[in-house]
Amino acid sequence: MAFIDYMTVSLSAYNGRQVLSTSDVLQEFAVILPDLYKRTCKEMMSSGESTMRVSQYGISACMQYGTARRHGWVYSVQLSGEYWHAIERNHAAVRGILERFADWRLSRLDLAYDVCVPLEDWQKYYKAAFEAGEYTINGNYDARTVYYGSRKSQFFTRIYNKTAADPKHYPAPDGFVVVRYEIEIHRVRGDLVLNSAFEPEFTDRLFLQRVQRSVSNDSSVFIEKYFSATQTGEKIKTVKRVLGNFENTVNYVFEAYAPYISAVMNSELVDDRYSGIEVLNEKGKKVLAILDNGLEE
């Protein structure tokens, strides 16, 4: 049912080799394209010194930086819908590449499902969504998009007219349009989909679970009619976002910025501003108490 439309994956070191360039990593994924596609990948695009792309087939590889790099994730690879289409959604081949690296993890996974529906039904749906405030115009006049959730949340859903957005690759008979229901899964961690991202049974259940969340918001019954199923399977538990170690963070701040904190705390400006500390809320009092204790140490 659902298919992978986009994936961002982080990779650690390659088994048997100490260092790979981003071009090497890109070639790992380009090599499983059919011959016709591979011949057009000879001239890869470079963005700076650490990013390589084959834009027409939706592959990009770059070096990681910052926190990801410090945790051992050396490369980041993005595989778009164009890539999955080119390899005919050959999940096994992609997973085979990933397993040749010492480790890998997903940071974003998009699951999608397309249906060809009467234009009249689609129009009724997006008009109802417009009245509910869940509608935007996206690109072409008819490429309207309905959003559920926030892109900053772990799950983000959009439903849009794929025929209007890309008429060349998604044509439809007169009076019909191809509509895509797509969910973005962000901050993918641990047992959420790391070991099951390529298992159709798992991704179908995850997809249907999210569909059920948006059915209740659809007064036109469009989603239930075209995307729901009679059985949603076992509920899939998500993984809560892991919070940082607060104590270590405070210690780091004191160690790195102690001279500046001390200068500020000893200034008359701070004394004047916080002289009436009793008016501060509890959170403010705790912050000042932590600062005082840290400086005394």
C-alpha atoms as a PDB file:
ATOM      1  CA  MET A   1       0.000   0.000   0.000  1.00  0.00           C
ATOM      2  CA  ALA A   2       2.246   2.821   1.250  1.00  0.00           C
ATOM      3  CA  PHE A   3       5.599   3.360  -0.450  1.00  0.00           C
ATOM      4  CA  ILE A   4       8.749   5.208   0.595  1.00  0.00           C
ATOM      5  CA  ASP A   5       8.823   8.577  -1.150  1.00  0.00           C
ATOM      6  CA  TYR A   6      11.749  10.211   0.632  1.00  0.00           C
ATOM      7  CA  MET A   7      14.415   9.170   3.107  1.00  0.00           C
ATOM      8  CA  THR A   8      17.251  10.871   4.947  1.00  0.00           C
ATOM      9  CA  VAL A   9      19.744   8.456   6.452  1.00  0.00           C
ATOM     10  CA  SER A  10      22.921   8.976   8.486  1.00  0.00           C
ATOM     11  CA  LEU A  11      25.850   6.611   7.986  1.00  0.00           C
ATOM     12  CA  SER A  12      28.913   5.873  10.073  1.00  0.00           C
ATOM     13  CA  ALA A  13      32.187   4.411   8.788  1.00  0.00           C
ATOM     14  CA  TYR A  14      32.220   1.968   5.888  1.00  0.00           C
ATOM     15  CA  ASN A  15      33.203  -1.570   6.833  1.00  0.00           C
ATOM     16  CA  GLY A  16      36.713  -2.304   5.621  1.00  0.00           C
ATOM     17  CA  ARG A  17      37.584   1.287   4.667  1.00  0.00           C
ATOM     18  CA  GLN A  18      38.618   4.124   6.922  1.00  0.00           C
ATOM     19  CA  VAL A  19      37.615   7.059   4.730  1.00  0.00           C
ATOM     20  CA  LEU A  20      35.151   7.554   1.898  1.00  0.00           C
ATOM     21  CA  SER A  21      34.502  10.736  -0.052  1.00  0.00           C
ATOM     22  CA  THR A  22      30.947  11.933  -0.546  1.00  0.00           C
ATOM     23  CA  SER A  23      31.401  11.004  -4.205  1.00  0.00           C
ATOM     24  CA  ASP A  24      32.155   7.414  -3.151  1.00  0.00           C
ATOM     25  CA  VAL A  25      29.034   7.326  -0.990  1.00  0.00           C
ATOM     26  CA  LEU A  26      26.934   8.745  -3.827  1.00  0.00           C
ATOM     27  CA  GLN A  27      28.249   6.102  -6.214  1.00  0.00           C
ATOM     28  CA  GLU A  28      27.207   3.361  -3.782  1.00  0.00           C
ATOM     29  CA  PHE A  29      23.587   4.389  -4.327  1.00  0.00           C
ATOM     30  CA  ALA A  30      23.920   5.349  -8.005  1.00  0.00           C
ATOM     31  CA  VAL A  31      25.320   1.953  -8.948  1.00  0.00           C
ATOM     32  CA  ILE A  32      21.998   0.195  -8.299  1.00  0.00           C
ATOM     33  CA  LEU A  33      20.175   2.409 -10.794  1.00  0.00           C
ATOM     34  CA  PRO A  34      19.321   0.772 -14.148  1.00  0.00           C
ATOM     35  CA  ASP A  35      21.937   1.200 -16.887  1.00  0.00           C
ATOM     36  CA  LEU A  36      20.010   3.974 -18.604  1.00  0.00           C
ATOM     37  CA  TYR A  37      20.041   6.032 -15.413  1.00  0.00           C
ATOM     38  CA  LYS A  38      23.624   5.205 -14.496  1.00  0.00           C
ATOM     39  CA  ARG A  39      24.915   6.559 -17.811  1.00  0.00           C
ATOM     40  CA  THR A  40      23.427   9.964 -17.002  1.00  0.00           C
ATOM     41  CA  CYS A  41      25.046  10.005 -13.540  1.00  0.00           C
ATOM     42  CA  LYS A  42      28.600  10.312 -14.813  1.00  0.00           C
ATOM     43  CA  GLU A  43      28.600  14.085 -14.440  1.00  0.00           C
ATOM     44  CA  MET A  44      27.649  14.517 -10.795  1.00  0.00           C
ATOM     45  CA  MET A  45      26.988  17.952  -9.376  1.00  0.00           C
ATOM     46  CA  SER A  46      29.075  19.219  -6.493  1.00  0.00           C
ATOM     47  CA  SER A  47      27.990  21.801  -3.943  1.00  0.00           C
ATOM     48  CA  GLY A  48      31.070  23.018  -2.148  1.00  0.00           C
ATOM     49  CA  GLU A  49      33.630  20.369  -1.293  1.00  0.00           C
ATOM     50  CA  SER A  50      31.502  18.072   0.831  1.00  0.00           C
ATOM     51  CA  THR A  51      28.187  17.595  -1.013  1.00  0.00           C
ATOM     52  CA  MET A  52      27.574  15.536  -4.146  1.00  0.00           C
ATOM     53  CA  ARG A  53      24.276  15.268  -6.040  1.00  0.00           C
ATOM     54  CA  VAL A  54      22.593  13.536  -8.921  1.00  0.00           C
ATOM     55  CA  SER A  55      19.668  15.931  -8.840  1.00  0.00           C
ATOM     56  CA  GLN A  56      17.640  14.461 -11.682  1.00  0.00           C
ATOM     57  CA  TYR A  57      17.412  11.162  -9.784  1.00  0.00           C
ATOM     58  CA  GLY A  58      17.087  12.588  -6.313  1.00  0.00           C
ATOM     59  CA  ILE A  59      20.324  11.390  -4.690  1.00  0.00           C
ATOM     60  CA  SER A  60      22.554  13.584  -2.545  1.00  0.00           C
ATOM     61  CA  ALA A  61      25.363  12.743  -0.142  1.00  0.00           C
ATOM     62  CA  CYS A  62      27.134  15.130   2.212  1.00  0.00           C
ATOM     63  CA  MET A  63      29.507  15.095   5.148  1.00  0.00           C
ATOM     64  CA  GLN A  64      27.886  15.437   8.569  1.00  0.00           C
ATOM     65  CA  TYR A  65      28.898  18.192  10.959  1.00  0.00           C
ATOM     66  CA  GLY A  66      28.228  19.383  14.491  1.00  0.00           C
ATOM     67  CA  THR A  67      26.516  17.069  16.973  1.00  0.00           C
ATOM     68  CA  ALA A  68      25.851  14.316  14.408  1.00  0.00           C
ATOM     69  CA  ARG A  69      29.538  14.151  13.507  1.00  0.00           C
ATOM     70  CA  ARG A  70      30.596  14.041  17.153  1.00  0.00           C
ATOM     71  CA  HIS A  71      28.291  11.061  17.671  1.00  0.00           C
ATOM     72  CA  GLY A  72      29.966   9.135  14.844  1.00  0.00           C
ATOM     73  CA  TRP A  73      27.579   9.848  11.949  1.00  0.00           C
ATOM     74  CA  VAL A  74      29.999  10.676   9.141  1.00  0.00           C
ATOM     75  CA  TYR A  75      27.697  10.943   6.114  1.00  0.00           C
ATOM     76  CA  SER A  76      24.143  12.021   5.390  1.00  0.00           C
ATOM     77  CA  VAL A  77      22.312  10.672   2.341  1.00  0.00           C
ATOM     78  CA  GLN A  78      18.996  11.859   0.932  1.00  0.00           C
ATOM     79  CA  LEU A  79      16.963   9.674  -1.412  1.00  0.00           C
ATOM     80  CA  SER A  80      13.922  11.396  -2.924  1.00  0.00           C
ATOM     81  CA  GLY A  81      10.868  10.045  -4.696  1.00  0.00           C
ATOM     82  CA  GLU A  82      12.625  10.339  -8.058  1.00  0.00           C
ATOM     83  CA  TYR A  83      15.270   7.923  -6.822  1.00  0.00           C
ATOM     84  CA  TRP A  84      12.752   5.372  -5.547  1.00  0.00           C
ATOM     85  CA  HIS A  85      10.865   5.604  -8.814  1.00  0.00           C
ATOM     86  CA  ALA A  86      14.053   5.082 -10.835  1.00  0.00           C
ATOM     87  CA  ILE A  87      14.952   1.876  -8.977  1.00  0.00           C
ATOM     88  CA  GLU A  88      11.292   0.770  -8.901  1.00  0.00           C
ATOM     89  CA  ARG A  89      11.273   0.953  -5.102  1.00  0.00           C
ATOM     90  CA  ASN A  90      14.001  -1.667  -4.771  1.00  0.00           C
ATOM     91  CA  HIS A  91      14.168  -1.595  -0.978  1.00  0.00           C
ATOM     92  CA  ALA A  92      16.378  -4.658  -0.748  1.00  0.00           C
ATOM     93  CA  ALA A  93      19.148  -3.055  -2.793  1.00  0.00           C
ATOM     94  CA  VAL A  94      19.139   0.102  -0.665  1.00  0.00           C
ATOM     95  CA  ARG A  95      19.173  -1.857   2.554  1.00  0.00           C
ATOM     96  CA  GLY A  96      22.084  -3.903   1.215  1.00  0.00           C
ATOM     97  CA  ILE A  97      24.122  -0.715   0.791  1.00  0.00           C
ATOM     98  CA  LEU A  98      23.220   0.527   4.265  1.00  0.00           C
ATOM     99  CA  GLU A  99      24.316  -2.724   5.865  1.00  0.00           C
ATOM    100  CA  ARG A 100      27.783  -2.395   4.334  1.00  0.00           C
ATOM    101  CA  PHE A 101      28.319   0.624   6.557  1.00  0.00           C
ATOM    102  CA  ALA A 102      29.274   0.063  10.178  1.00  0.00           C
ATOM    103  CA  ASP A 103      25.972   1.560  11.288  1.00  0.00           C
ATOM    104  CA  TRP A 104      23.085   3.624   9.954  1.00  0.00           C
ATOM    105  CA  ARG A 105      20.010   5.445  11.189  1.00  0.00           C
ATOM    106  CA  LEU A 106      17.022   7.228   9.693  1.00  0.00           C
ATOM    107  CA  SER A 107      16.327  10.859  10.533  1.00  0.00           C
ATOM    108  CA  ARG A 108      13.383  11.352   8.143  1.00  0.00           C
ATOM    109  CA  LEU A 109      11.109   8.952   6.318  1.00  0.00           C
ATOM    110  CA  ASP A 110       8.222   9.881   4.009  1.00  0.00           C
ATOM    111  CA  LEU A 111       5.498   7.336   3.271  1.00  0.00           C
ATOM    112  CA  ALA A 112       3.005   8.026   0.493  1.00  0.00           C
ATOM    113  CA  TYR A 113       0.005   6.532  -1.240  1.00  0.00           C
ATOM    114  CA  ASP A 114      -1.637   7.695  -4.488  1.00  0.00           C
ATOM    115  CA  VAL A 115      -5.243   7.279  -5.577  1.00  0.00           C
ATOM    116  CA  CYS A 116      -7.052   8.377  -8.726  1.00  0.00           C
ATOM    117  CA  VAL A 117     -10.270  10.062  -7.651  1.00  0.00           C
ATOM    118  CA  PRO A 118     -13.092  12.049  -9.267  1.00  0.00           C
ATOM    119  CA  LEU A 119     -12.180  15.724  -9.444  1.00  0.00           C
ATOM    120  CA  GLU A 120     -15.536  16.580  -7.861  1.00  0.00           C
ATOM    121  CA  ASP A 121     -14.697  14.558  -4.722  1.00  0.00           C
ATOM    122  CA  TRP A 122     -11.296  16.204  -4.438  1.00  0.00           C
ATOM    123  CA  GLN A 123     -12.801  19.678  -4.791  1.00  0.00           C
ATOM    124  CA  LYS A 124     -15.374  18.950  -2.099  1.00  0.00           C
ATOM    125  CA  TYR A 125     -12.616  17.777   0.234  1.00  0.00           C
ATOM    126  CA  TYR A 126     -10.246  20.702  -0.139  1.00  0.00           C
ATOM    127  CA  LYS A 127     -13.097  23.218   0.117  1.00  0.00           C
ATOM    128  CA  ALA A 128     -14.098  21.654   3.447  1.00  0.00           C
ATOM    129  CA  ALA A 129     -10.444  21.792   4.519  1.00  0.00           C
ATOM    130  CA  PHE A 130     -10.287  25.449   3.502  1.00  0.00           C
ATOM    131  CA  GLU A 131     -13.224  26.227   5.767  1.00  0.00           C
ATOM    132  CA  ALA A 132     -11.421  24.401   8.591  1.00  0.00           C
ATOM    133  CA  GLY A 133      -8.236  26.443   8.013  1.00  0.00           C
ATOM    134  CA  GLU A 134      -6.122  23.475   6.864  1.00  0.00           C
ATOM    135  CA  TYR A 135      -5.637  24.514   3.260  1.00  0.00           C
ATOM    136  CA  THR A 136      -2.931  26.350   1.322  1.00  0.00           C
ATOM    137  CA  ILE A 137      -2.223  27.020  -2.332  1.00  0.00           C
ATOM    138  CA  ASN A 138       0.926  25.184  -3.331  1.00  0.00           C
ATOM    139  CA  GLY A 139       2.474  26.044  -6.693  1.00  0.00           C
ATOM    140  CA  ASN A 140       0.030  25.680  -9.568  1.00  0.00           C
ATOM    141  CA  TYR A 141      -3.470  27.027  -9.103  1.00  0.00           C
ATOM    142  CA  ASP A 142      -5.002  23.557  -8.752  1.00  0.00           C
ATOM    143  CA  ALA A 143      -2.147  22.078  -6.719  1.00  0.00           C
ATOM    144  CA  ARG A 144      -3.842  22.792  -3.430  1.00  0.00           C
ATOM    145  CA  THR A 145      -2.391  21.180  -0.325  1.00  0.00           C
ATOM    146  CA  VAL A 146      -4.101  20.247   2.928  1.00  0.00           C
ATOM    147  CA  TYR A 147      -1.903  19.978   6.019  1.00  0.00           C
ATOM    148  CA  TYR A 148      -2.414  18.112   9.298  1.00  0.00           C
ATOM    149  CA  GLY A 149      -0.003  18.752  12.119  1.00  0.00           C
ATOM    150  CA  SER A 150       3.158  20.821  12.297  1.00  0.00           C
ATOM    151  CA  ARG A 151       6.330  20.221  10.330  1.00  0.00           C
ATOM    152  CA  LYS A 152       8.196  20.588  13.621  1.00  0.00           C
ATOM    153  CA  SER A 153       6.352  17.614  15.113  1.00  0.00           C
ATOM    154  CA  GLN A 154       7.360  13.985  14.697  1.00  0.00           C
ATOM    155  CA  PHE A 155       4.535  13.267  12.265  1.00  0.00           C
ATOM    156  CA  PHE A 156       3.472  15.719   9.565  1.00  0.00           C
ATOM    157  CA  THR A 157       0.800  14.956   6.964  1.00  0.00           C
ATOM    158  CA  ARG A 158      -0.050  16.575   3.651  1.00  0.00           C
ATOM    159  CA  ILE A 159      -2.634  15.677   1.012  1.00  0.00           C
ATOM    160  CA  TYR A 160      -2.420  17.260  -2.418  1.00  0.00           C
ATOM    161  CA  ASN A 161      -3.344  17.031  -6.091  1.00  0.00           C
ATOM    162  CA  LYS A 162      -0.348  15.289  -7.654  1.00  0.00           C
ATOM    163  CA  THR A 163      -1.742  15.629 -11.171  1.00  0.00           C
ATOM    164  CA  ALA A 164      -1.812  19.413 -10.851  1.00  0.00           C
ATOM    165  CA  ALA A 165       1.603  19.528  -9.209  1.00  0.00           C
ATOM    166  CA  ASP A 166       3.267  17.213 -11.770  1.00  0.00           C
ATOM    167  CA  PRO A 167       0.969  16.633 -14.788  1.00  0.00           C
ATOM    168  CA  LYS A 168       3.767  15.104 -16.869  1.00  0.00           C
ATOM    169  CA  HIS A 169       4.400  12.156 -14.550  1.00  0.00           C
ATOM    170  CA  TYR A 170       0.946  11.879 -12.944  1.00  0.00           C
ATOM    171  CA  PRO A 171      -1.665  12.272 -15.691  1.00  0.00           C
ATOM    172  CA  ALA A 172      -5.307  11.322 -15.036  1.00  0.00           C
ATOM    173  CA  PRO A 173      -8.389  10.755 -17.222  1.00  0.00           C
ATOM    174  CA  ASP A 174     -10.765  13.660 -17.811  1.00  0.00           C
ATOM    175  CA  GLY A 175     -12.720  14.459 -14.679  1.00  0.00           C
ATOM    176  CA  PHE A 176     -10.196  12.653 -12.431  1.00  0.00           C
ATOM    177  CA  VAL A 177      -7.001  13.583 -10.583  1.00  0.00           C
ATOM    178  CA  VAL A 178      -4.281  11.653  -8.784  1.00  0.00           C
ATOM    179  CA  VAL A 179      -4.252  12.614  -5.110  1.00  0.00           C
ATOM    180  CA  ARG A 180      -1.318  11.815  -2.827  1.00  0.00           C
ATOM    181  CA  TYR A 181      -1.535  11.275   0.925  1.00  0.00           C
ATOM    182  CA  GLU A 182       1.953  11.624   2.389  1.00  0.00           C
ATOM    183  CA  ILE A 183       3.305  11.545   5.927  1.00  0.00           C
ATOM    184  CA  GLU A 184       6.703  12.843   6.978  1.00  0.00           C
ATOM    185  CA  ILE A 185       8.204  11.076   9.980  1.00  0.00           C
ATOM    186  CA  HIS A 186      10.875  13.168  11.675  1.00  0.00           C
ATOM    187  CA  ARG A 187      13.343  12.293  14.433  1.00  0.00           C
ATOM    188  CA  VAL A 188      13.112   8.601  13.609  1.00  0.00           C
ATOM    189  CA  ARG A 189      14.719   6.743  16.489  1.00  0.00           C
ATOM    190  CA  GLY A 190      15.447   3.270  17.788  1.00  0.00           C
ATOM    191  CA  ASP A 191      12.737   0.685  17.278  1.00  0.00           C
ATOM    192  CA  LEU A 192      10.276   3.048  15.594  1.00  0.00           C
ATOM    193  CA  VAL A 193      11.300   2.116  12.057  1.00  0.00           C
ATOM    194  CA  LEU A 194      15.061   1.606  12.115  1.00  0.00           C
ATOM    195  CA  ASN A 195      14.817  -2.128  11.552  1.00  0.00           C
ATOM    196  CA  SER A 196      11.440  -2.124   9.809  1.00  0.00           C
ATOM    197  CA  ALA A 197      11.539   0.767   7.350  1.00  0.00           C
ATOM    198  CA  PHE A 198      11.688  -1.595   4.384  1.00  0.00           C
ATOM    199  CA  GLU A 199       9.043  -4.026   5.595  1.00  0.00           C
ATOM    200  CA  PRO A 200       5.742  -3.367   3.745  1.00  0.00           C
ATOM    201  CA  GLU A 201       3.630  -4.833   6.539  1.00  0.00           C
ATOM    202  CA  PHE A 202       5.128  -2.423   9.060  1.00  0.00           C
ATOM    203  CA  THR A 203       4.998   0.699   6.867  1.00  0.00           C
ATOM    204  CA  ASP A 204       1.413  -0.064   5.842  1.00  0.00           C
ATOM    205  CA  ARG A 205       0.331  -0.301   9.475  1.00  0.00           C
ATOM    206  CA  LEU A 206       2.172   2.890  10.358  1.00  0.00           C
ATOM    207  CA  PHE A 207       0.625   4.680   7.390  1.00  0.00           C
ATOM    208  CA  LEU A 208      -2.913   3.544   8.252  1.00  0.00           C
ATOM    209  CA  GLN A 209      -2.422   4.537  11.869  1.00  0.00           C
ATOM    210  CA  ARG A 210      -1.677   8.104  10.799  1.00  0.00           C
ATOM    211  CA  VAL A 211      -4.573   8.112   8.321  1.00  0.00           C
ATOM    212  CA  GLN A 212      -6.953   7.311  11.154  1.00  0.00           C
ATOM    213  CA  ARG A 213      -5.685  10.379  13.022  1.00  0.00           C
ATOM    214  CA  SER A 214      -6.812  12.702  10.212  1.00  0.00           C
ATOM    215  CA  VAL A 215     -10.128  10.992   9.410  1.00  0.00           C
ATOM    216  CA  SER A 216     -11.853  12.662  12.364  1.00  0.00           C
ATOM    217  CA  ASN A 217     -10.934  16.111  11.003  1.00  0.00           C
ATOM    218  CA  ASP A 218     -12.417  15.479   7.554  1.00  0.00           C
ATOM    219  CA  SER A 219     -16.067  16.501   7.336  1.00  0.00           C
ATOM    220  CA  SER A 220     -16.211  15.490   3.653  1.00  0.00           C
ATOM    221  CA  VAL A 221     -15.289  11.831   4.473  1.00  0.00           C
ATOM    222  CA  PHE A 222     -12.775  11.957   1.601  1.00  0.00           C
ATOM    223  CA  ILE A 223      -9.872  10.474   3.576  1.00  0.00           C
ATOM    224  CA  GLU A 224     -11.936   7.640   5.002  1.00  0.00           C
ATOM    225  CA  LYS A 225     -13.331   6.778   1.579  1.00  0.00           C
ATOM    226  CA  TYR A 226     -10.057   6.660  -0.334  1.00  0.00           C
ATOM    227  CA  PHE A 227      -7.257   6.041   2.178  1.00  0.00           C
ATOM    228  CA  SER A 228      -8.639   4.143   5.149  1.00  0.00           C
ATOM    229  CA  ALA A 229      -8.869   0.376   5.569  1.00  0.00           C
ATOM    230  CA  THR A 230     -11.215  -1.788   7.633  1.00  0.00           C
ATOM    231  CA  GLN A 231      -8.304  -3.091   9.719  1.00  0.00           C
ATOM    232  CA  THR A 232      -5.492  -0.904  10.977  1.00  0.00           C
ATOM    233  CA  GLY A 233      -3.511  -3.654  12.666  1.00  0.00           C
ATOM    234  CA  GLU A 234      -1.601  -3.410  15.895  1.00  0.00           C
ATOM    235  CA  LYS A 235      -0.968   0.104  17.169  1.00  0.00           C
ATOM    236  CA  ILE A 236       2.632   1.143  16.663  1.00  0.00           C
ATOM    237  CA  LYS A 237       4.228   2.899  19.605  1.00  0.00           C
ATOM    238  CA  THR A 238       6.461   5.835  18.887  1.00  0.00           C
ATOM    239  CA  VAL A 239       9.616   6.720  20.742  1.00  0.00           C
ATOM    240  CA  LYS A 240       9.608   9.825  22.905  1.00  0.00           C
ATOM    241  CA  ARG A 241      12.187  12.430  22.056  1.00  0.00           C
ATOM    242  CA  VAL A 242      15.203  12.012  24.309  1.00  0.00           C
ATOM    243  CA  LEU A 243      16.019  15.074  26.378  1.00  0.00           C
ATOM    244  CA  GLY A 244      19.586  16.174  26.964  1.00  0.00           C
ATOM    245  CA  ASN A 245      21.397  15.791  30.285  1.00  0.00           C
ATOM    246  CA  PHE A 246      20.485  19.023  32.077  1.00  0.00           C
ATOM    247  CA  GLU A 247      23.149  18.753  34.770  1.00  0.00           C
ATOM    248  CA  ASN A 248      25.925  18.231  32.248  1.00  0.00           C
ATOM    249  CA  THR A 249      24.626  21.138  30.186  1.00  0.00           C
ATOM    250  CA  VAL A 250      24.676  23.459  33.209  1.00  0.00           C
ATOM    251  CA  ASN A 251      28.190  22.317  34.130  1.00  0.00           C
ATOM    252  CA  TYR A 252      29.365  22.978  30.583  1.00  0.00           C
ATOM    253  CA  VAL A 253      27.907  26.490  30.605  1.00  0.00           C
ATOM    254  CA  PHE A 254      29.564  27.302  33.930  1.00  0.00           C
ATOM    255  CA  GLU A 255      32.912  25.961  32.748  1.00  0.00           C
ATOM    256  CA  ALA A 256      32.874  27.699  29.382  1.00  0.00           C
ATOM    257  CA  TYR A 257      31.273  30.989  30.361  1.00  0.00           C
ATOM    258  CA  ALA A 258      32.137  31.393  34.062  1.00  0.00           C
ATOM    259  CA  PRO A 259      34.079  34.680  33.565  1.00  0.00           C
ATOM    260  CA  TYR A 260      31.193  36.264  31.669  1.00  0.00           C
ATOM    261  CA  ILE A 261      28.556  34.997  34.095  1.00  0.00           C
ATOM    262  CA  SER A 262      30.619  36.294  37.016  1.00  0.00           C
ATOM    263  CA  ALA A 263      30.992  39.715  35.404  1.00  0.00           C
ATOM    264  CA  VAL A 264      27.271  39.985  34.771  1.00  0.00           C
ATOM    265  CA  MET A 265      26.243  38.762  38.232  1.00  0.00           C
ATOM    266  CA  ASN A 266      28.549  41.300  39.893  1.00  0.00           C
ATOM    267  CA  SER A 267      27.351  44.259  37.843  1.00  0.00           C
ATOM    268  CA  GLU A 268      25.122  46.941  39.332  1.00  0.00           C
ATOM    269  CA  LEU A 269      22.730  46.512  36.434  1.00  0.00           C
ATOM    270  CA  VAL A 270      21.902  42.963  37.493  1.00  0.00           C
ATOM    271  CA  ASP A 271      21.609  43.980  41.134  1.00  0.00           C
ATOM    272  CA  ASP A 272      19.107  46.689  40.220  1.00  0.00           C
ATOM    273  CA  ARG A 273      17.091  44.501  37.899  1.00  0.00           C
ATOM    274  CA  TYR A 274      16.734  41.612  40.338  1.00  0.00           C
ATOM    275  CA  SER A 275      16.662  43.485  43.605  1.00  0.00           C
ATOM    276  CA  GLY A 276      12.975  42.641  43.978  1.00  0.00           C
ATOM    277  CA  ILE A 277      13.497  38.923  43.479  1.00  0.00           C
ATOM    278  CA  GLU A 278      10.270  38.126  45.286  1.00  0.00           C
ATOM    279  CA  VAL A 279       8.351  39.257  42.180  1.00  0.00           C
ATOM    280  CA  LEU A 280      10.024  36.626  40.008  1.00  0.00           C
ATOM    281  CA  ASN A 281       8.186  33.411  39.229  1.00  0.00           C
ATOM    282  CA  GLU A 282       9.470  30.108  40.594  1.00  0.00           C
ATOM    283  CA  LYS A 283      11.355  29.306  37.394  1.00  0.00           C
ATOM    284  CA  GLY A 284      13.210  32.615  37.508  1.00  0.00           C
ATOM    285  CA  LYS A 285      14.188  32.077  41.139  1.00  0.00           C
ATOM    286  CA  LYS A 286      15.546  28.620  40.346  1.00  0.00           C
ATOM    287  CA  VAL A 287      17.660  29.977  37.481  1.00  0.00           C
ATOM    288  CA  LEU A 288      19.220  32.643  39.682  1.00  0.00           C
ATOM    289  CA  ALA A 289      19.789  30.113  42.470  1.00  0.00           C
ATOM    290  CA  ILE A 290      21.631  27.813  40.050  1.00  0.00           C
ATOM    291  CA  LEU A 291      23.783  30.698  38.859  1.00  0.00           C
ATOM    292  CA  ASP A 292      24.660  31.748  42.403  1.00  0.00           C
ATOM    293  CA  ASN A 293      25.556  28.197  43.456  1.00  0.00           C
ATOM    294  CA  GLY A 294      27.589  27.611  40.331  1.00  0.00           C
ATOM    295  CA  LEU A 295      29.632  30.742  40.757  1.00  0.00           C
ATOM    296  CA  GLU A 296      30.351  30.004  44.403  1.00  0.00           C
ATOM    297  CA  GLU A 297      31.808  26.646  43.436  1.00  0.00           C
END
